[in-house]
Amino acid sequence: MDQRVEPGVRRENSGERSCGRSPRVQREKVYFCPKRSRTLSTMSSFEDAETEETVPCLHMTFYHPCQGEKMMFRCLNFCKREQVRADEAAKFGRDSSVCRYSLMDARVSRIQFSLQFYRKLHSSECCFEIKNLSKRTKLTVNQTELGYLNKVDLPWRCVICFGDYQILAEVQEGESVDYFETHLHLAEAPILQERSLPSLPSLQPVPESGISSSIFLCQDKSPTEMDENEPC
C-alpha cells in the first residue's frame, strides 16, 4: 500500500511499524516574529523618508514701558512659533485687517513696518528686510534711522525702536526657502538696559536689485528710499 506524506508533514520511522501501531508523524513547526517584521518595516520607511529641512526663524522680543496697563501686545501670540510664507510681507501695525501682527495702541500707525524674508543671490544665507511704512514715525535699527518707505537688512541681532517701543530681533538660520517662522517674546524690562548688546555699527542698505552697494566705489550710508508708488 502506497503511503503518501502530506506537505509540511515529516514521518518518523517510515520503514517499520512498532507493536502494530501506526508510525508517529510530527508536523514541522514554523516560527513567525511579527515584532521583528514591524521593526524592519519601520526602518525601511524611515530610511526612504525625505530629509527634513530646518526652518529660518525670526525671534522678536517686545517691550513698552506701559505694556502692563495699556496691554498693547494683547493680540500678539507669544511663546509660540508661527509659520509665514516666504513671499508674504509680515506687517506690524494698528490695523488688524491689514497687519498680521497687531499693536493695540492709538499712537501706532495703521501700518508701522513690514518684514520681508529673502535669500541673497548665489548664497544660502537668509535675510530679513525691514521697511518703515509710517509717515509720521521714524524707525531706527541699531543706529540707522529709517524714514518713510526706507528699508534696510536686519543684522543677525539688532534692536528696532519707534516711539517708546523696543524690539530685539534675532535671526536663526534655516534651509527652507518656502516659509519662515516667527517666535515672539515679551520682555519685562527695557531691552536696551537688560541686554548686553555688542557694538551696533551703521547698517549697509541693499538696493532693489538685491546686490549689495558695497561693490561700488562710492558707498551710500543712508538707507534705501523707495518709490511711493511701490506697493507696501
C-alpha atoms as a PDB file:
ATOM      1  CA  MET A   1       0.000   0.000   0.000  1.00  0.00           C
ATOM      2  CA  ASP A   2       1.382   3.328  -1.075  1.00  0.00           C
ATOM      3  CA  GLN A   3       1.623   5.714   1.831  1.00  0.00           C
ATOM      4  CA  ARG A   4       1.975   9.345   0.933  1.00  0.00           C
ATOM      5  CA  VAL A   5       3.261  12.098   3.153  1.00  0.00           C
ATOM      6  CA  GLU A   6       1.308  15.301   3.182  1.00  0.00           C
ATOM      7  CA  PRO A   7       3.210  18.521   2.516  1.00  0.00           C
ATOM      8  CA  GLY A   8       4.512  20.049   5.676  1.00  0.00           C
ATOM      9  CA  VAL A   9       4.454  16.666   7.453  1.00  0.00           C
ATOM     10  CA  ARG A  10       7.533  14.715   8.352  1.00  0.00           C
ATOM     11  CA  ARG A  11       7.141  10.982   9.015  1.00  0.00           C
ATOM     12  CA  GLU A  12       9.361   9.320  11.559  1.00  0.00           C
ATOM     13  CA  ASN A  13      10.316   5.583  11.340  1.00  0.00           C
ATOM     14  CA  SER A  14       8.676   5.322   7.926  1.00  0.00           C
ATOM     15  CA  GLY A  15      10.263   1.933   7.181  1.00  0.00           C
ATOM     16  CA  GLU A  16       8.947  -0.003  10.179  1.00  0.00           C
ATOM     17  CA  ARG A  17       5.975  -0.393  12.483  1.00  0.00           C
ATOM     18  CA  SER A  18       6.359  -0.792  16.208  1.00  0.00           C
ATOM     19  CA  CYS A  19       3.982  -3.062  18.128  1.00  0.00           C
ATOM     20  CA  GLY A  20       1.341  -2.776  15.461  1.00  0.00           C
ATOM     21  CA  ARG A  21       0.995   0.946  15.978  1.00  0.00           C
ATOM     22  CA  SER A  22       0.881   3.415  13.168  1.00  0.00           C
ATOM     23  CA  PRO A  23       4.087   5.306  12.647  1.00  0.00           C
ATOM     24  CA  ARG A  24       4.253   8.620  14.516  1.00  0.00           C
ATOM     25  CA  VAL A  25       4.094  11.759  12.481  1.00  0.00           C
ATOM     26  CA  GLN A  26       5.263  15.182  13.549  1.00  0.00           C
ATOM     27  CA  ARG A  27       4.302  18.377  11.851  1.00  0.00           C
ATOM     28  CA  GLU A  28       7.070  20.812  11.138  1.00  0.00           C
ATOM     29  CA  LYS A  29       6.939  23.981  13.217  1.00  0.00           C
ATOM     30  CA  VAL A  30       7.095  27.358  11.531  1.00  0.00           C
ATOM     31  CA  TYR A  31       8.164  30.314  13.647  1.00  0.00           C
ATOM     32  CA  PHE A  32       6.984  33.853  12.878  1.00  0.00           C
ATOM     33  CA  CYS A  33       8.182  37.015  14.611  1.00  0.00           C
ATOM     34  CA  PRO A  34       5.708  39.866  13.964  1.00  0.00           C
ATOM     35  CA  LYS A  35       7.673  42.305  16.160  1.00  0.00           C
ATOM     36  CA  ARG A  36      10.813  41.963  14.083  1.00  0.00           C
ATOM     37  CA  SER A  37       8.789  42.280  10.897  1.00  0.00           C
ATOM     38  CA  ARG A  38       7.272  45.557  12.095  1.00  0.00           C
ATOM     39  CA  THR A  39      10.716  46.846  13.091  1.00  0.00           C
ATOM     40  CA  LEU A  40      12.168  46.121   9.669  1.00  0.00           C
ATOM     41  CA  SER A  41       9.189  47.823   8.022  1.00  0.00           C
ATOM     42  CA  THR A  42       9.608  50.905  10.215  1.00  0.00           C
ATOM     43  CA  MET A  43      13.321  51.111   9.485  1.00  0.00           C
ATOM     44  CA  SER A  44      12.666  50.822   5.764  1.00  0.00           C
ATOM     45  CA  SER A  45      10.080  53.641   5.768  1.00  0.00           C
ATOM     46  CA  PHE A  46      12.388  55.808   7.910  1.00  0.00           C
ATOM     47  CA  GLU A  47      15.288  55.325   5.513  1.00  0.00           C
ATOM     48  CA  ASP A  48      13.089  56.110   2.494  1.00  0.00           C
ATOM     49  CA  ALA A  49      11.617  59.287   4.021  1.00  0.00           C
ATOM     50  CA  GLU A  50      12.669  62.670   2.651  1.00  0.00           C
ATOM     51  CA  THR A  51      15.257  64.664   4.566  1.00  0.00           C
ATOM     52  CA  GLU A  52      13.615  67.303   6.751  1.00  0.00           C
ATOM     53  CA  GLU A  53      14.541  70.959   6.213  1.00  0.00           C
ATOM     54  CA  THR A  54      15.383  73.325   9.016  1.00  0.00           C
ATOM     55  CA  VAL A  55      13.251  76.469   9.039  1.00  0.00           C
ATOM     56  CA  PRO A  56      14.599  80.023   9.382  1.00  0.00           C
ATOM     57  CA  CYS A  57      13.176  81.727  12.463  1.00  0.00           C
ATOM     58  CA  LEU A  58      12.998  85.375  13.492  1.00  0.00           C
ATOM     59  CA  HIS A  59      12.859  85.780  17.271  1.00  0.00           C
ATOM     60  CA  MET A  60      11.351  89.111  18.358  1.00  0.00           C
ATOM     61  CA  THR A  61      11.250  90.303  21.966  1.00  0.00           C
ATOM     62  CA  PHE A  62       8.895  93.248  22.612  1.00  0.00           C
ATOM     63  CA  TYR A  63       8.950  95.913  25.301  1.00  0.00           C
ATOM     64  CA  HIS A  64       6.910  99.046  26.065  1.00  0.00           C
ATOM     65  CA  PRO A  65       7.016 100.924  29.394  1.00  0.00           C
ATOM     66  CA  CYS A  66       3.189 100.913  29.618  1.00  0.00           C
ATOM     67  CA  GLN A  67       2.601  97.326  28.481  1.00  0.00           C
ATOM     68  CA  GLY A  68       1.197  96.320  31.869  1.00  0.00           C
ATOM     69  CA  GLU A  69      -1.608  98.878  31.965  1.00  0.00           C
ATOM     70  CA  LYS A  70      -2.356  99.527  28.282  1.00  0.00           C
ATOM     71  CA  MET A  71      -1.862  95.922  27.118  1.00  0.00           C
ATOM     72  CA  MET A  72      -0.932  96.925  23.572  1.00  0.00           C
ATOM     73  CA  PHE A  73       0.517  93.451  22.968  1.00  0.00           C
ATOM     74  CA  ARG A  74      -2.639  91.530  23.854  1.00  0.00           C
ATOM     75  CA  CYS A  75      -3.237  90.450  20.242  1.00  0.00           C
ATOM     76  CA  LEU A  76       0.246  89.001  19.789  1.00  0.00           C
ATOM     77  CA  ASN A  77       0.754  85.279  20.189  1.00  0.00           C
ATOM     78  CA  PHE A  78       3.757  84.972  22.475  1.00  0.00           C
ATOM     79  CA  CYS A  79       5.905  81.881  23.059  1.00  0.00           C
ATOM     80  CA  LYS A  80       4.517  80.012  20.052  1.00  0.00           C
ATOM     81  CA  ARG A  81       6.154  79.700  16.643  1.00  0.00           C
ATOM     82  CA  GLU A  82       4.100  80.832  13.676  1.00  0.00           C
ATOM     83  CA  GLN A  83       4.768  79.942  10.050  1.00  0.00           C
ATOM     84  CA  VAL A  84       4.812  82.690   7.417  1.00  0.00           C
ATOM     85  CA  ARG A  85       5.087  82.173   3.662  1.00  0.00           C
ATOM     86  CA  ALA A  86       8.386  83.381   2.251  1.00  0.00           C
ATOM     87  CA  ASP A  87       6.681  85.564  -0.350  1.00  0.00           C
ATOM     88  CA  GLU A  88       4.477  87.273   2.246  1.00  0.00           C
ATOM     89  CA  ALA A  89       5.496  90.562   3.893  1.00  0.00           C
ATOM     90  CA  ALA A  90       4.871  90.303   7.631  1.00  0.00           C
ATOM     91  CA  LYS A  91       3.311  93.625   8.629  1.00  0.00           C
ATOM     92  CA  PHE A  92       3.130  95.186  12.081  1.00  0.00           C
ATOM     93  CA  GLY A  93       0.723  97.996  12.987  1.00  0.00           C
ATOM     94  CA  ARG A  94      -2.606  99.091  14.413  1.00  0.00           C
ATOM     95  CA  ASP A  95      -4.879  97.879  11.588  1.00  0.00           C
ATOM     96  CA  SER A  96      -5.642  94.224  12.247  1.00  0.00           C
ATOM     97  CA  SER A  97      -7.323  93.830   8.834  1.00  0.00           C
ATOM     98  CA  VAL A  98      -4.012  94.533   7.091  1.00  0.00           C
ATOM     99  CA  CYS A  99      -1.347  93.663   9.652  1.00  0.00           C
ATOM    100  CA  ARG A 100      -0.555  90.105  10.597  1.00  0.00           C
ATOM    101  CA  TYR A 101       0.777  91.344  13.958  1.00  0.00           C
ATOM    102  CA  SER A 102      -1.467  93.951  15.605  1.00  0.00           C
ATOM    103  CA  LEU A 103      -0.331  96.520  18.154  1.00  0.00           C
ATOM    104  CA  MET A 104      -3.348  97.869  20.061  1.00  0.00           C
ATOM    105  CA  ASP A 105      -2.118 101.418  20.524  1.00  0.00           C
ATOM    106  CA  ALA A 106      -3.649 104.618  19.077  1.00  0.00           C
ATOM    107  CA  ARG A 107      -0.162 106.116  18.748  1.00  0.00           C
ATOM    108  CA  VAL A 108       0.981 103.320  16.435  1.00  0.00           C
ATOM    109  CA  SER A 109       0.495 103.909  12.714  1.00  0.00           C
ATOM    110  CA  ARG A 110      -2.046 101.906  10.773  1.00  0.00           C
ATOM    111  CA  ILE A 111       0.897 100.037   9.220  1.00  0.00           C
ATOM    112  CA  GLN A 112       4.083 100.684  11.168  1.00  0.00           C
ATOM    113  CA  PHE A 113       6.628  98.491   9.384  1.00  0.00           C
ATOM    114  CA  SER A 114       6.995  95.293   7.380  1.00  0.00           C
ATOM    115  CA  LEU A 115       9.485  92.442   7.282  1.00  0.00           C
ATOM    116  CA  GLN A 116      10.319  90.611   4.063  1.00  0.00           C
ATOM    117  CA  PHE A 117      12.222  87.313   4.010  1.00  0.00           C
ATOM    118  CA  TYR A 118      14.626  86.572   1.149  1.00  0.00           C
ATOM    119  CA  ARG A 119      17.884  84.811   0.307  1.00  0.00           C
ATOM    120  CA  LYS A 120      20.901  86.612  -1.088  1.00  0.00           C
ATOM    121  CA  LEU A 121      21.909  85.953  -4.670  1.00  0.00           C
ATOM    122  CA  HIS A 122      24.214  82.948  -5.117  1.00  0.00           C
ATOM    123  CA  SER A 123      24.110  82.300  -1.369  1.00  0.00           C
ATOM    124  CA  SER A 124      22.222  80.133   1.093  1.00  0.00           C
ATOM    125  CA  GLU A 125      22.228  82.921   3.679  1.00  0.00           C
ATOM    126  CA  CYS A 126      18.751  84.042   4.693  1.00  0.00           C
ATOM    127  CA  CYS A 127      17.952  87.692   5.341  1.00  0.00           C
ATOM    128  CA  PHE A 128      15.092  89.805   6.636  1.00  0.00           C
ATOM    129  CA  GLU A 129      14.494  93.244   5.198  1.00  0.00           C
ATOM    130  CA  ILE A 130      12.657  95.822   7.315  1.00  0.00           C
ATOM    131  CA  LYS A 131      10.761  98.724   5.724  1.00  0.00           C
ATOM    132  CA  ASN A 132       9.283 101.707   7.559  1.00  0.00           C
ATOM    133  CA  LEU A 133       5.674 102.217   6.415  1.00  0.00           C
ATOM    134  CA  SER A 134       4.795 105.001   8.850  1.00  0.00           C
ATOM    135  CA  LYS A 135       4.621 108.556   7.516  1.00  0.00           C
ATOM    136  CA  ARG A 136       4.682 110.155  10.966  1.00  0.00           C
ATOM    137  CA  THR A 137       7.093 107.997  12.962  1.00  0.00           C
ATOM    138  CA  LYS A 138      10.729 107.317  12.202  1.00  0.00           C
ATOM    139  CA  LEU A 139      12.116 103.894  12.914  1.00  0.00           C
ATOM    140  CA  THR A 140      15.666 103.018  13.945  1.00  0.00           C
ATOM    141  CA  VAL A 141      17.525  99.742  13.516  1.00  0.00           C
ATOM    142  CA  ASN A 142      20.558  99.843  15.792  1.00  0.00           C
ATOM    143  CA  GLN A 143      21.949 103.289  14.929  1.00  0.00           C
ATOM    144  CA  THR A 144      20.391 103.568  11.469  1.00  0.00           C
ATOM    145  CA  GLU A 145      17.322 105.788  11.114  1.00  0.00           C
ATOM    146  CA  LEU A 146      14.671 104.877   8.567  1.00  0.00           C
ATOM    147  CA  GLY A 147      12.252 107.455   7.224  1.00  0.00           C
ATOM    148  CA  TYR A 148       9.018 106.696   5.409  1.00  0.00           C
ATOM    149  CA  LEU A 149       9.477 103.921   2.807  1.00  0.00           C
ATOM    150  CA  ASN A 150      13.158 103.485   3.703  1.00  0.00           C
ATOM    151  CA  LYS A 151      14.365  99.924   4.184  1.00  0.00           C
ATOM    152  CA  VAL A 152      17.454  98.054   5.320  1.00  0.00           C
ATOM    153  CA  ASP A 153      18.547  94.469   6.045  1.00  0.00           C
ATOM    154  CA  LEU A 154      18.316  93.288   9.632  1.00  0.00           C
ATOM    155  CA  PRO A 155      21.617  92.205  11.203  1.00  0.00           C
ATOM    156  CA  TRP A 156      21.579  88.772  12.846  1.00  0.00           C
ATOM    157  CA  ARG A 157      20.944  90.565  16.176  1.00  0.00           C
ATOM    158  CA  CYS A 158      19.640  94.113  16.460  1.00  0.00           C
ATOM    159  CA  VAL A 159      17.241  96.448  18.268  1.00  0.00           C
ATOM    160  CA  ILE A 160      14.306  98.048  16.441  1.00  0.00           C
ATOM    161  CA  CYS A 161      12.885 101.213  18.015  1.00  0.00           C
ATOM    162  CA  PHE A 162       9.961 103.526  17.235  1.00  0.00           C
ATOM    163  CA  GLY A 163       8.208 105.755  19.748  1.00  0.00           C
ATOM    164  CA  ASP A 164       8.510 104.034  23.133  1.00  0.00           C
ATOM    165  CA  TYR A 165       8.676 100.582  21.582  1.00  0.00           C
ATOM    166  CA  GLN A 166      11.796  98.432  21.739  1.00  0.00           C
ATOM    167  CA  ILE A 167      12.067  95.158  19.828  1.00  0.00           C
ATOM    168  CA  LEU A 168      15.048  92.835  19.999  1.00  0.00           C
ATOM    169  CA  ALA A 169      15.288  90.888  16.707  1.00  0.00           C
ATOM    170  CA  GLU A 170      17.449  87.755  16.419  1.00  0.00           C
ATOM    171  CA  VAL A 171      17.755  85.776  13.180  1.00  0.00           C
ATOM    172  CA  GLN A 172      18.072  81.989  13.359  1.00  0.00           C
ATOM    173  CA  GLU A 173      19.367  80.396  10.145  1.00  0.00           C
ATOM    174  CA  GLY A 174      17.474  77.664   8.300  1.00  0.00           C
ATOM    175  CA  GLU A 175      17.323  75.842   4.959  1.00  0.00           C
ATOM    176  CA  SER A 176      13.715  76.276   3.881  1.00  0.00           C
ATOM    177  CA  VAL A 177      13.011  78.659   1.007  1.00  0.00           C
ATOM    178  CA  ASP A 178       9.213  78.321   1.070  1.00  0.00           C
ATOM    179  CA  TYR A 179       8.456  79.725   4.504  1.00  0.00           C
ATOM    180  CA  PHE A 180       9.956  81.015   7.734  1.00  0.00           C
ATOM    181  CA  GLU A 181       8.809  81.185  11.343  1.00  0.00           C
ATOM    182  CA  THR A 182       8.372  83.987  13.840  1.00  0.00           C
ATOM    183  CA  HIS A 183       8.721  83.454  17.579  1.00  0.00           C
ATOM    184  CA  LEU A 184       7.515  86.349  19.719  1.00  0.00           C
ATOM    185  CA  HIS A 185       8.549  87.020  23.312  1.00  0.00           C
ATOM    186  CA  LEU A 186       7.670  89.656  25.913  1.00  0.00           C
ATOM    187  CA  ALA A 187      10.388  91.418  27.913  1.00  0.00           C
ATOM    188  CA  GLU A 188       9.753  92.501  31.488  1.00  0.00           C
ATOM    189  CA  ALA A 189      12.478  95.172  31.468  1.00  0.00           C
ATOM    190  CA  PRO A 190      13.770  97.643  28.867  1.00  0.00           C
ATOM    191  CA  ILE A 191      15.739  95.731  26.245  1.00  0.00           C
ATOM    192  CA  LEU A 192      18.489  98.305  25.785  1.00  0.00           C
ATOM    193  CA  GLN A 193      19.242  98.131  29.516  1.00  0.00           C
ATOM    194  CA  GLU A 194      18.540  94.440  30.064  1.00  0.00           C
ATOM    195  CA  ARG A 195      20.641  93.063  27.209  1.00  0.00           C
ATOM    196  CA  SER A 196      24.378  93.419  26.835  1.00  0.00           C
ATOM    197  CA  LEU A 197      24.436  94.057  23.107  1.00  0.00           C
ATOM    198  CA  PRO A 198      27.633  94.190  21.068  1.00  0.00           C
ATOM    199  CA  SER A 199      28.651  97.406  19.353  1.00  0.00           C
ATOM    200  CA  LEU A 200      25.956  98.477  16.925  1.00  0.00           C
ATOM    201  CA  PRO A 201      27.528  99.546  13.618  1.00  0.00           C
ATOM    202  CA  SER A 202      25.789 101.551  10.948  1.00  0.00           C
ATOM    203  CA  LEU A 203      23.967  99.275   8.542  1.00  0.00           C
ATOM    204  CA  GLN A 204      24.633  98.897   4.840  1.00  0.00           C
ATOM    205  CA  PRO A 205      21.450  99.371   2.794  1.00  0.00           C
ATOM    206  CA  VAL A 206      20.580  96.993  -0.037  1.00  0.00           C
ATOM    207  CA  PRO A 207      19.160  98.449  -3.278  1.00  0.00           C
ATOM    208  CA  GLU A 208      16.198  96.983  -5.126  1.00  0.00           C
ATOM    209  CA  SER A 209      18.462  94.861  -7.348  1.00  0.00           C
ATOM    210  CA  GLY A 210      19.432  92.785  -4.333  1.00  0.00           C
ATOM    211  CA  ILE A 211      23.137  93.472  -4.950  1.00  0.00           C
ATOM    212  CA  SER A 212      24.997  94.942  -2.011  1.00  0.00           C
ATOM    213  CA  SER A 213      26.093  98.509  -2.585  1.00  0.00           C
ATOM    214  CA  SER A 214      29.477  97.666  -1.068  1.00  0.00           C
ATOM    215  CA  ILE A 215      30.680  96.639  -4.545  1.00  0.00           C
ATOM    216  CA  PHE A 216      30.514 100.239  -5.701  1.00  0.00           C
ATOM    217  CA  LEU A 217      33.330 102.692  -5.085  1.00  0.00           C
ATOM    218  CA  CYS A 218      31.010 105.401  -3.833  1.00  0.00           C
ATOM    219  CA  GLN A 219      29.070 103.911  -0.937  1.00  0.00           C
ATOM    220  CA  ASP A 220      25.871 105.495   0.267  1.00  0.00           C
ATOM    221  CA  LYS A 221      25.490 105.003   4.016  1.00  0.00           C
ATOM    222  CA  SER A 222      21.850 106.110   4.072  1.00  0.00           C
ATOM    223  CA  PRO A 223      19.024 103.561   3.926  1.00  0.00           C
ATOM    224  CA  THR A 224      17.383 102.784   0.606  1.00  0.00           C
ATOM    225  CA  GLU A 225      14.450 105.050  -0.186  1.00  0.00           C
ATOM    226  CA  MET A 226      11.622 103.528  -2.162  1.00  0.00           C
ATOM    227  CA  ASP A 227       9.217 104.926  -4.681  1.00  0.00           C
ATOM    228  CA  GLU A 228       5.938 105.933  -3.063  1.00  0.00           C
ATOM    229  CA  ASN A 229       4.081 104.111  -5.835  1.00  0.00           C
ATOM    230  CA  GLU A 230       5.623 100.796  -4.850  1.00  0.00           C
ATOM    231  CA  PRO A 231       3.032  98.650  -3.082  1.00  0.00           C
ATOM    232  CA  CYS A 232       3.613  98.287   0.636  1.00  0.00           C
END
